[in-house]
Amino acid sequence: MIDRLELKNFTSFGNLDIDFSPKINVIIGENGTGKTHLLKAAYGLCAGASFFKHKPGLGKAELEAALTAKFLRLFMPLDDKLGKMHFHGAREHASLTAQFAEGQKVNATFFNNSSELSIKESQSYAKYRAKPVFIPTKEVLSLVKGMADEAHDQKTVELIFDDGYVDLAKALTKTNDEDLDARINEDPRLNSIIPQLVSLIGGRYQWENGGFCFQPGEYREKPSLNGPIPNLPKRIKTPQ
């Protein structure tokens, strides 16, 4: 979990420091003040979890290239140039810093003529394993089928949608080989969050045959050979 975010001379932010609470954080602001940019910056800095999962021995140069590519895909600046994300009129470098709950930290900088992010600090960054999820403000479920369709040219998809959409589409359509028990053991918050969401919408959305369908139902206690066990993951039981 990210504890603190610092943005200096980045997009619309001259100097912004935010300390996040351990639970829900609400960002409020008028249109065009940078709320989405703030969330994308946090998401991009959390991307190290995916990078190191696929390549544990990732070096500094490779990390800089990977983070640069991620930020370019998230913000899609004009001419695909990193310098376009530098705060207009600022003479000092842009700086992005994220501190995480278990002491990890990453800091990256760039100038208005930079072609790549420069990693200045990456304290235990390789140990950060919480994979982030970014949910765009626009409706996504109806778009996922088109984004995930292998018959569509991926380059065209990426011209239309930034990585906030593309990453979410991949996550929603990914076949998860992990047992739900293992996933909840890794992140116990799922044990309370998922039942609440199912209760709110009266069921769940499920990916089937290249599209999402709604499966009405409710959560029930998972059966056990030794009788009921508190805090076990629930399962949806669909009406007959």
C-alpha atoms as a PDB file:
ATOM      1  CA  MET A   1       0.000   0.000   0.000  1.00  0.00           C
ATOM      2  CA  ILE A   2       1.204   3.498  -0.828  1.00  0.00           C
ATOM      3  CA  ASP A   3       1.652   5.738   2.222  1.00  0.00           C
ATOM      4  CA  ARG A   4       2.876   8.988   0.716  1.00  0.00           C
ATOM      5  CA  LEU A   5       3.010  10.589  -2.718  1.00  0.00           C
ATOM      6  CA  GLU A   6       5.125  13.598  -3.681  1.00  0.00           C
ATOM      7  CA  LEU A   7       4.810  15.307  -7.056  1.00  0.00           C
ATOM      8  CA  LYS A   8       6.967  18.278  -8.032  1.00  0.00           C
ATOM      9  CA  ASN A   9       6.795  20.074 -11.387  1.00  0.00           C
ATOM     10  CA  PHE A  10       4.745  17.227 -12.816  1.00  0.00           C
ATOM     11  CA  THR A  11       1.858  17.946 -15.234  1.00  0.00           C
ATOM     12  CA  SER A  12      -0.417  20.392 -13.359  1.00  0.00           C
ATOM     13  CA  PHE A  13       1.358  20.037 -10.001  1.00  0.00           C
ATOM     14  CA  GLY A  14       4.061  22.488  -8.964  1.00  0.00           C
ATOM     15  CA  ASN A  15       4.477  20.968  -5.513  1.00  0.00           C
ATOM     16  CA  LEU A  16       2.117  18.395  -4.010  1.00  0.00           C
ATOM     17  CA  ASP A  17       2.649  16.145  -0.966  1.00  0.00           C
ATOM     18  CA  ILE A  18      -0.057  13.723   0.178  1.00  0.00           C
ATOM     19  CA  ASP A  19      -0.035  11.377   3.179  1.00  0.00           C
ATOM     20  CA  PHE A  20      -2.597   8.630   2.626  1.00  0.00           C
ATOM     21  CA  SER A  21      -4.657   6.999   5.365  1.00  0.00           C
ATOM     22  CA  PRO A  22      -4.523   3.183   5.754  1.00  0.00           C
ATOM     23  CA  LYS A  23      -8.120   2.797   4.554  1.00  0.00           C
ATOM     24  CA  ILE A  24     -10.223   4.748   2.068  1.00  0.00           C
ATOM     25  CA  ASN A  25      -8.933   8.064   0.740  1.00  0.00           C
ATOM     26  CA  VAL A  26     -11.202  10.501  -1.103  1.00  0.00           C
ATOM     27  CA  ILE A  27      -9.717  13.014  -3.550  1.00  0.00           C
ATOM     28  CA  ILE A  28     -11.970  16.045  -4.168  1.00  0.00           C
ATOM     29  CA  GLY A  29     -11.359  18.837  -6.673  1.00  0.00           C
ATOM     30  CA  GLU A  30     -12.892  20.775  -9.535  1.00  0.00           C
ATOM     31  CA  ASN A  31     -12.660  19.520 -13.111  1.00  0.00           C
ATOM     32  CA  GLY A  32      -9.241  19.953 -14.652  1.00  0.00           C
ATOM     33  CA  THR A  33      -7.353  20.295 -11.367  1.00  0.00           C
ATOM     34  CA  GLY A  34      -5.429  17.035 -11.738  1.00  0.00           C
ATOM     35  CA  LYS A  35      -7.335  14.354  -9.785  1.00  0.00           C
ATOM     36  CA  THR A  36      -6.887  11.751 -12.515  1.00  0.00           C
ATOM     37  CA  HIS A  37      -3.244  12.737 -13.038  1.00  0.00           C
ATOM     38  CA  LEU A  38      -2.622  12.253  -9.314  1.00  0.00           C
ATOM     39  CA  LEU A  39      -4.129   8.757  -9.370  1.00  0.00           C
ATOM     40  CA  LYS A  40      -2.282   7.801 -12.558  1.00  0.00           C
ATOM     41  CA  ALA A  41       1.010   8.975 -11.048  1.00  0.00           C
ATOM     42  CA  ALA A  42       0.420   6.809  -7.969  1.00  0.00           C
ATOM     43  CA  TYR A  43      -0.576   3.866 -10.173  1.00  0.00           C
ATOM     44  CA  GLY A  44       2.505   4.272 -12.361  1.00  0.00           C
ATOM     45  CA  LEU A  45       4.872   4.373  -9.387  1.00  0.00           C
ATOM     46  CA  CYS A  46       3.247   1.203  -8.018  1.00  0.00           C
ATOM     47  CA  ALA A  47       3.917  -0.615 -11.297  1.00  0.00           C
ATOM     48  CA  GLY A  48       7.204  -2.003  -9.983  1.00  0.00           C
ATOM     49  CA  ALA A  49       5.282  -4.960  -8.551  1.00  0.00           C
ATOM     50  CA  SER A  50       4.480  -6.178 -12.069  1.00  0.00           C
ATOM     51  CA  PHE A  51       7.950  -5.442 -13.416  1.00  0.00           C
ATOM     52  CA  PHE A  52       9.801  -7.374 -10.713  1.00  0.00           C
ATOM     53  CA  LYS A  53       7.294 -10.236 -10.735  1.00  0.00           C
ATOM     54  CA  HIS A  54       8.098 -10.937 -14.381  1.00  0.00           C
ATOM     55  CA  LYS A  55      11.822 -10.210 -14.004  1.00  0.00           C
ATOM     56  CA  PRO A  56      13.099 -10.388 -10.380  1.00  0.00           C
ATOM     57  CA  GLY A  57      16.628  -9.330 -11.358  1.00  0.00           C
ATOM     58  CA  LEU A  58      15.546  -6.145 -13.117  1.00  0.00           C
ATOM     59  CA  GLY A  59      18.427  -3.653 -13.238  1.00  0.00           C
ATOM     60  CA  LYS A  60      18.310   0.137 -12.831  1.00  0.00           C
ATOM     61  CA  ALA A  61      18.464   0.891 -16.565  1.00  0.00           C
ATOM     62  CA  GLU A  62      15.725  -1.639 -17.307  1.00  0.00           C
ATOM     63  CA  LEU A  63      13.573  -0.256 -14.491  1.00  0.00           C
ATOM     64  CA  GLU A  64      13.967   3.292 -15.848  1.00  0.00           C
ATOM     65  CA  ALA A  65      12.941   2.130 -19.316  1.00  0.00           C
ATOM     66  CA  ALA A  66       9.955   0.174 -17.974  1.00  0.00           C
ATOM     67  CA  LEU A  67       8.680   3.041 -15.787  1.00  0.00           C
ATOM     68  CA  THR A  68       9.139   5.514 -18.652  1.00  0.00           C
ATOM     69  CA  ALA A  69       7.110   3.293 -20.975  1.00  0.00           C
ATOM     70  CA  LYS A  70       4.388   2.915 -18.338  1.00  0.00           C
ATOM     71  CA  PHE A  71       4.067   6.677 -17.767  1.00  0.00           C
ATOM     72  CA  LEU A  72       3.997   7.374 -21.507  1.00  0.00           C
ATOM     73  CA  ARG A  73       1.218   4.808 -21.905  1.00  0.00           C
ATOM     74  CA  LEU A  74      -0.742   6.177 -18.941  1.00  0.00           C
ATOM     75  CA  PHE A  75      -0.560   9.867 -19.877  1.00  0.00           C
ATOM     76  CA  MET A  76      -0.144   9.597 -23.678  1.00  0.00           C
ATOM     77  CA  PRO A  77       1.554  13.036 -24.027  1.00  0.00           C
ATOM     78  CA  LEU A  78       1.803  14.867 -27.347  1.00  0.00           C
ATOM     79  CA  ASP A  79       4.447  13.387 -29.652  1.00  0.00           C
ATOM     80  CA  ASP A  80       4.893  10.631 -27.065  1.00  0.00           C
ATOM     81  CA  LYS A  81       7.519  12.769 -25.316  1.00  0.00           C
ATOM     82  CA  LEU A  82       8.202  12.525 -21.587  1.00  0.00           C
ATOM     83  CA  GLY A  83       9.108  16.224 -21.395  1.00  0.00           C
ATOM     84  CA  LYS A  84       5.498  17.155 -22.222  1.00  0.00           C
ATOM     85  CA  MET A  85       4.606  16.057 -18.685  1.00  0.00           C
ATOM     86  CA  HIS A  86       6.967  18.628 -17.150  1.00  0.00           C
ATOM     87  CA  PHE A  87       5.151  21.468 -15.327  1.00  0.00           C
ATOM     88  CA  HIS A  88       4.916  24.387 -17.760  1.00  0.00           C
ATOM     89  CA  GLY A  89       7.373  27.160 -16.954  1.00  0.00           C
ATOM     90  CA  ALA A  90       9.251  25.245 -14.228  1.00  0.00           C
ATOM     91  CA  ARG A  91      13.043  25.518 -14.351  1.00  0.00           C
ATOM     92  CA  GLU A  92      13.798  22.624 -11.989  1.00  0.00           C
ATOM     93  CA  HIS A  93      13.358  18.960 -12.784  1.00  0.00           C
ATOM     94  CA  ALA A  94      10.088  17.096 -12.300  1.00  0.00           C
ATOM     95  CA  SER A  95      10.134  14.643  -9.414  1.00  0.00           C
ATOM     96  CA  LEU A  96       7.790  11.792  -8.489  1.00  0.00           C
ATOM     97  CA  THR A  97       8.154   9.951  -5.173  1.00  0.00           C
ATOM     98  CA  ALA A  98       6.139   7.147  -3.611  1.00  0.00           C
ATOM     99  CA  GLN A  99       6.642   5.706  -0.137  1.00  0.00           C
ATOM    100  CA  PHE A 100       5.046   2.389   0.757  1.00  0.00           C
ATOM    101  CA  ALA A 101       3.697   0.884   3.976  1.00  0.00           C
ATOM    102  CA  GLU A 102       6.566  -1.559   4.514  1.00  0.00           C
ATOM    103  CA  GLY A 103       9.343   0.983   4.008  1.00  0.00           C
ATOM    104  CA  GLN A 104       9.858   0.687   0.248  1.00  0.00           C
ATOM    105  CA  LYS A 105      10.416   3.890  -1.673  1.00  0.00           C
ATOM    106  CA  VAL A 106      10.944   5.001  -5.259  1.00  0.00           C
ATOM    107  CA  ASN A 107      11.887   8.412  -6.636  1.00  0.00           C
ATOM    108  CA  ALA A 108      12.126   9.289 -10.324  1.00  0.00           C
ATOM    109  CA  THR A 109      12.999  12.606 -11.996  1.00  0.00           C
ATOM    110  CA  PHE A 110      13.061  14.105 -15.482  1.00  0.00           C
ATOM    111  CA  PHE A 111      13.538  17.451 -17.277  1.00  0.00           C
ATOM    112  CA  ASN A 112      11.495  18.967 -20.078  1.00  0.00           C
ATOM    113  CA  ASN A 113      13.990  17.598 -22.632  1.00  0.00           C
ATOM    114  CA  SER A 114      14.379  14.147 -21.033  1.00  0.00           C
ATOM    115  CA  SER A 115      13.648  11.034 -23.038  1.00  0.00           C
ATOM    116  CA  GLU A 116      13.600   8.743 -20.005  1.00  0.00           C
ATOM    117  CA  LEU A 117      12.899   8.826 -16.284  1.00  0.00           C
ATOM    118  CA  SER A 118      15.949   8.791 -14.018  1.00  0.00           C
ATOM    119  CA  ILE A 119      15.656   6.648 -10.877  1.00  0.00           C
ATOM    120  CA  LYS A 120      17.299   8.533  -7.999  1.00  0.00           C
ATOM    121  CA  GLU A 121      16.146   6.248  -5.192  1.00  0.00           C
ATOM    122  CA  SER A 122      14.626   2.777  -5.114  1.00  0.00           C
ATOM    123  CA  GLN A 123      14.874   1.651  -1.490  1.00  0.00           C
ATOM    124  CA  SER A 124      13.651  -1.977  -1.342  1.00  0.00           C
ATOM    125  CA  TYR A 125      11.446  -1.203  -4.352  1.00  0.00           C
ATOM    126  CA  ALA A 126      12.010  -4.697  -5.724  1.00  0.00           C
ATOM    127  CA  LYS A 127      10.309  -6.106  -2.606  1.00  0.00           C
ATOM    128  CA  TYR A 128       7.049  -4.234  -3.247  1.00  0.00           C
ATOM    129  CA  ARG A 129       4.572  -6.917  -4.312  1.00  0.00           C
ATOM    130  CA  ALA A 130       1.101  -5.332  -4.023  1.00  0.00           C
ATOM    131  CA  LYS A 131      -0.188  -5.201  -7.605  1.00  0.00           C
ATOM    132  CA  PRO A 132      -2.159  -1.965  -8.184  1.00  0.00           C
ATOM    133  CA  VAL A 133      -5.501  -1.588  -9.934  1.00  0.00           C
ATOM    134  CA  PHE A 134      -6.570   1.648 -11.604  1.00  0.00           C
ATOM    135  CA  ILE A 135     -10.290   2.008 -12.384  1.00  0.00           C
ATOM    136  CA  PRO A 136     -10.965   4.850 -14.848  1.00  0.00           C
ATOM    137  CA  THR A 137     -13.899   7.170 -14.254  1.00  0.00           C
ATOM    138  CA  LYS A 138     -15.615   6.078 -17.470  1.00  0.00           C
ATOM    139  CA  GLU A 139     -17.668   2.898 -17.826  1.00  0.00           C
ATOM    140  CA  VAL A 140     -15.343   0.040 -18.766  1.00  0.00           C
ATOM    141  CA  LEU A 141     -17.198  -3.303 -18.852  1.00  0.00           C
ATOM    142  CA  SER A 142     -18.763  -2.662 -22.273  1.00  0.00           C
ATOM    143  CA  LEU A 143     -15.331  -1.744 -23.707  1.00  0.00           C
ATOM    144  CA  VAL A 144     -13.423  -4.772 -22.430  1.00  0.00           C
ATOM    145  CA  LYS A 145     -14.583  -7.172 -25.146  1.00  0.00           C
ATOM    146  CA  GLY A 146     -13.202  -4.909 -27.875  1.00  0.00           C
ATOM    147  CA  MET A 147      -9.937  -4.254 -26.043  1.00  0.00           C
ATOM    148  CA  ALA A 148      -9.389  -7.940 -25.299  1.00  0.00           C
ATOM    149  CA  ASP A 149     -10.371  -9.265 -28.748  1.00  0.00           C
ATOM    150  CA  GLU A 150      -7.267 -10.860 -30.265  1.00  0.00           C
ATOM    151  CA  ALA A 151      -8.619 -10.142 -33.746  1.00  0.00           C
ATOM    152  CA  HIS A 152      -8.179  -6.401 -33.128  1.00  0.00           C
ATOM    153  CA  ASP A 153      -4.844  -4.771 -33.834  1.00  0.00           C
ATOM    154  CA  GLN A 154      -3.246  -4.084 -30.430  1.00  0.00           C
ATOM    155  CA  LYS A 155      -1.485  -0.950 -31.694  1.00  0.00           C
ATOM    156  CA  THR A 156      -4.851   0.525 -32.688  1.00  0.00           C
ATOM    157  CA  VAL A 157      -6.312  -0.329 -29.281  1.00  0.00           C
ATOM    158  CA  GLU A 158      -3.384   1.417 -27.577  1.00  0.00           C
ATOM    159  CA  LEU A 159      -3.850   4.520 -29.728  1.00  0.00           C
ATOM    160  CA  ILE A 160      -7.417   4.816 -28.459  1.00  0.00           C
ATOM    161  CA  PHE A 161      -7.027   3.720 -24.822  1.00  0.00           C
ATOM    162  CA  ASP A 162      -4.305   4.539 -22.309  1.00  0.00           C
ATOM    163  CA  ASP A 163      -2.870   1.892 -19.988  1.00  0.00           C
ATOM    164  CA  GLY A 164      -5.435   2.680 -17.297  1.00  0.00           C
ATOM    165  CA  TYR A 165      -8.029   1.025 -19.535  1.00  0.00           C
ATOM    166  CA  VAL A 166      -5.791  -1.596 -21.151  1.00  0.00           C
ATOM    167  CA  ASP A 167      -4.362  -2.866 -17.834  1.00  0.00           C
ATOM    168  CA  LEU A 168      -7.843  -3.124 -16.308  1.00  0.00           C
ATOM    169  CA  ALA A 169      -9.175  -5.013 -19.341  1.00  0.00           C
ATOM    170  CA  LYS A 170      -6.320  -7.522 -19.053  1.00  0.00           C
ATOM    171  CA  ALA A 171      -6.935  -7.951 -15.314  1.00  0.00           C
ATOM    172  CA  LEU A 172     -10.686  -8.466 -15.792  1.00  0.00           C
ATOM    173  CA  THR A 173     -10.257 -11.097 -18.507  1.00  0.00           C
ATOM    174  CA  LYS A 174      -7.287 -12.888 -16.967  1.00  0.00           C
ATOM    175  CA  THR A 175      -7.837 -16.525 -16.056  1.00  0.00           C
ATOM    176  CA  ASN A 176      -6.793 -16.755 -12.425  1.00  0.00           C
ATOM    177  CA  ASP A 177      -5.199 -20.059 -11.532  1.00  0.00           C
ATOM    178  CA  GLU A 178      -5.033 -19.210  -7.833  1.00  0.00           C
ATOM    179  CA  ASP A 179      -7.609 -20.603  -5.446  1.00  0.00           C
ATOM    180  CA  LEU A 180      -9.748 -17.883  -3.863  1.00  0.00           C
ATOM    181  CA  ASP A 181      -8.541 -19.048  -0.431  1.00  0.00           C
ATOM    182  CA  ALA A 182      -4.940 -18.315  -1.439  1.00  0.00           C
ATOM    183  CA  ARG A 183      -5.869 -14.910  -2.823  1.00  0.00           C
ATOM    184  CA  ILE A 184      -7.659 -13.955   0.399  1.00  0.00           C
ATOM    185  CA  ASN A 185      -4.737 -15.180   2.510  1.00  0.00           C
ATOM    186  CA  GLU A 186      -2.492 -12.892   0.452  1.00  0.00           C
ATOM    187  CA  ASP A 187      -4.889  -9.952   0.890  1.00  0.00           C
ATOM    188  CA  PRO A 188      -7.383 -10.547   3.761  1.00  0.00           C
ATOM    189  CA  ARG A 189      -9.286  -7.384   2.809  1.00  0.00           C
ATOM    190  CA  LEU A 190     -10.984  -9.383   0.048  1.00  0.00           C
ATOM    191  CA  ASN A 191     -12.793 -11.373   2.743  1.00  0.00           C
ATOM    192  CA  SER A 192     -14.868  -8.331   3.669  1.00  0.00           C
ATOM    193  CA  ILE A 193     -14.813  -6.284   0.457  1.00  0.00           C
ATOM    194  CA  ILE A 194     -16.130  -8.922  -1.957  1.00  0.00           C
ATOM    195  CA  PRO A 195     -19.243  -9.871   0.094  1.00  0.00           C
ATOM    196  CA  GLN A 196     -20.131  -6.185   0.453  1.00  0.00           C
ATOM    197  CA  LEU A 197     -19.848  -5.595  -3.288  1.00  0.00           C
ATOM    198  CA  VAL A 198     -21.964  -8.653  -4.088  1.00  0.00           C
ATOM    199  CA  SER A 199     -24.572  -7.515  -1.581  1.00  0.00           C
ATOM    200  CA  LEU A 200     -24.718  -4.037  -3.144  1.00  0.00           C
ATOM    201  CA  ILE A 201     -25.285  -5.226  -6.715  1.00  0.00           C
ATOM    202  CA  GLY A 202     -27.148  -8.465  -5.891  1.00  0.00           C
ATOM    203  CA  GLY A 203     -24.679 -10.796  -7.596  1.00  0.00           C
ATOM    204  CA  ARG A 204     -21.517 -10.609  -9.653  1.00  0.00           C
ATOM    205  CA  TYR A 205     -20.295  -9.997 -13.190  1.00  0.00           C
ATOM    206  CA  GLN A 206     -18.581 -12.949 -14.786  1.00  0.00           C
ATOM    207  CA  TRP A 207     -16.437 -13.170 -17.930  1.00  0.00           C
ATOM    208  CA  GLU A 208     -17.922 -15.819 -20.214  1.00  0.00           C
ATOM    209  CA  ASN A 209     -17.569 -16.480 -23.944  1.00  0.00           C
ATOM    210  CA  GLY A 210     -15.764 -13.225 -24.626  1.00  0.00           C
ATOM    211  CA  GLY A 211     -18.121 -10.963 -22.697  1.00  0.00           C
ATOM    212  CA  PHE A 212     -19.450 -10.087 -19.253  1.00  0.00           C
ATOM    213  CA  CYS A 213     -22.716 -11.493 -17.984  1.00  0.00           C
ATOM    214  CA  PHE A 214     -24.474 -10.777 -14.698  1.00  0.00           C
ATOM    215  CA  GLN A 215     -24.900 -13.700 -12.318  1.00  0.00           C
ATOM    216  CA  PRO A 216     -27.481 -12.880  -9.624  1.00  0.00           C
ATOM    217  CA  GLY A 217     -27.019 -14.445  -6.208  1.00  0.00           C
ATOM    218  CA  GLU A 218     -25.638 -13.969  -2.735  1.00  0.00           C
ATOM    219  CA  TYR A 219     -22.704 -15.112  -0.634  1.00  0.00           C
ATOM    220  CA  ARG A 220     -22.940 -18.196   1.545  1.00  0.00           C
ATOM    221  CA  GLU A 221     -20.480 -19.610   4.070  1.00  0.00           C
ATOM    222  CA  LYS A 222     -18.023 -22.021   2.530  1.00  0.00           C
ATOM    223  CA  PRO A 223     -18.772 -25.566   3.753  1.00  0.00           C
ATOM    224  CA  SER A 224     -16.164 -27.252   5.931  1.00  0.00           C
ATOM    225  CA  LEU A 225     -15.647 -30.858   7.052  1.00  0.00           C
ATOM    226  CA  ASN A 226     -15.098 -29.585  10.583  1.00  0.00           C
ATOM    227  CA  GLY A 227     -18.151 -27.344  10.684  1.00  0.00           C
ATOM    228  CA  PRO A 228     -18.454 -23.574  10.139  1.00  0.00           C
ATOM    229  CA  ILE A 229     -15.227 -21.612  10.307  1.00  0.00           C
ATOM    230  CA  PRO A 230     -15.323 -17.847  10.830  1.00  0.00           C
ATOM    231  CA  ASN A 231     -13.963 -15.523   8.160  1.00  0.00           C
ATOM    232  CA  LEU A 232     -13.777 -18.175   5.466  1.00  0.00           C
ATOM    233  CA  PRO A 233     -14.200 -16.913   1.905  1.00  0.00           C
ATOM    234  CA  LYS A 234     -17.763 -16.922   0.714  1.00  0.00           C
ATOM    235  CA  ARG A 235     -19.165 -18.361  -2.499  1.00  0.00           C
ATOM    236  CA  ILE A 236     -21.989 -17.027  -4.624  1.00  0.00           C
ATOM    237  CA  LYS A 237     -25.017 -19.254  -4.724  1.00  0.00           C
ATOM    238  CA  THR A 238     -27.208 -18.559  -7.711  1.00  0.00           C
ATOM    239  CA  PRO A 239     -31.001 -18.846  -7.411  1.00  0.00           C
ATOM    240  CA  GLN A 240     -32.493 -22.018  -8.868  1.00  0.00           C
END
